[in-house]
Amino acid sequence: MIIFKLDDLIWQHRTTAEDIFKKTGIGKSTLSTIRNNKNINISINTLNKLCKYFDCKISDLMEYVKEE
């Protein structure tokens, strides 16, 4: 299962979903879905925008956790 760590990045960078929306154009509903780790398809473009915004690697944004 893929776990998104967007909330951790938001907290570490002391930013908000509103600021991310304004600076990246990623929709608020998409950000909310990612933050809630809902089962969605995310585009490479969205992941790229988030990595650029946070100046991070993809592994800082998400990780694979083996399901038991």
Protein backbone atom coordinates (compact mmCIF):
# COMPACT_ATOMS: atom_id res chain seq x y z
CA MET A 1 0.00 0.00 0.00
CA ILE A 2 1.27 3.48 -0.84
CA ILE A 3 1.18 5.97 2.05
CA PHE A 4 1.37 9.68 1.33
CA LYS A 5 3.32 11.84 3.74
CA LEU A 6 1.88 15.17 2.59
CA ASP A 7 0.74 16.17 6.07
CA ASP A 8 4.28 15.67 7.38
CA LEU A 9 5.70 17.88 4.64
CA ILE A 10 3.07 20.55 5.23
CA TRP A 11 3.93 20.59 8.93
CA GLN A 12 7.72 20.56 8.35
CA HIS A 13 7.53 23.42 5.85
CA ARG A 14 4.98 25.34 7.91
CA THR A 15 2.69 25.80 4.94
CA THR A 16 -0.96 25.17 4.18
CA ALA A 17 -3.00 23.36 1.55
CA GLU A 18 -4.26 26.78 0.48
CA ASP A 19 -0.71 27.97 -0.20
CA ILE A 20 0.10 24.78 -2.11
CA PHE A 21 -3.04 25.29 -4.22
CA LYS A 22 -2.14 28.90 -4.99
CA LYS A 23 1.47 28.14 -5.94
CA THR A 24 1.00 24.84 -7.81
CA GLY A 25 -2.55 24.88 -9.13
CA ILE A 26 -3.21 21.45 -7.62
CA GLY A 27 -6.90 21.34 -6.77
CA LYS A 28 -7.97 21.54 -3.14
CA SER A 29 -9.98 18.34 -3.48
CA THR A 30 -6.92 16.52 -4.87
CA LEU A 31 -4.79 17.75 -1.97
CA SER A 32 -7.46 16.67 0.51
CA THR A 33 -7.67 13.22 -1.07
CA ILE A 34 -3.89 12.81 -0.90
CA ARG A 35 -3.79 14.00 2.71
CA ASN A 36 -6.47 11.47 3.67
CA ASN A 37 -4.59 8.63 1.90
CA LYS A 38 -7.67 7.74 -0.11
CA ASN A 39 -7.34 5.24 -2.91
CA ILE A 40 -6.87 7.45 -5.98
CA ASN A 41 -4.87 7.72 -9.14
CA ILE A 42 -2.39 10.59 -8.99
CA SER A 43 -0.76 11.98 -12.08
CA ILE A 44 2.99 12.21 -12.48
CA ASN A 45 2.43 15.92 -13.12
CA THR A 46 0.84 16.35 -9.67
CA LEU A 47 3.66 14.43 -7.98
CA ASN A 48 6.19 16.52 -9.86
CA LYS A 49 4.52 19.76 -8.73
CA LEU A 50 4.52 18.63 -5.10
CA CYS A 51 8.19 17.59 -5.22
CA LYS A 52 9.08 20.93 -6.82
CA TYR A 53 7.03 22.88 -4.26
CA PHE A 54 8.65 21.12 -1.30
CA ASP A 55 12.04 20.70 -3.01
CA CYS A 56 11.97 17.04 -2.05
CA LYS A 57 12.40 13.54 -3.43
CA ILE A 58 9.44 11.34 -4.25
CA SER A 59 10.39 9.16 -1.27
CA ASP A 60 9.82 12.18 0.99
CA LEU A 61 6.29 12.45 -0.35
CA MET A 62 5.23 8.81 -0.39
CA GLU A 63 6.33 5.33 0.66
CA TYR A 64 5.33 1.75 0.14
CA VAL A 65 4.20 -0.16 3.22
CA LYS A 66 3.67 -3.91 2.88
CA GLU A 67 0.16 -4.97 3.77
CA GLU A 68 -0.12 -7.83 6.24
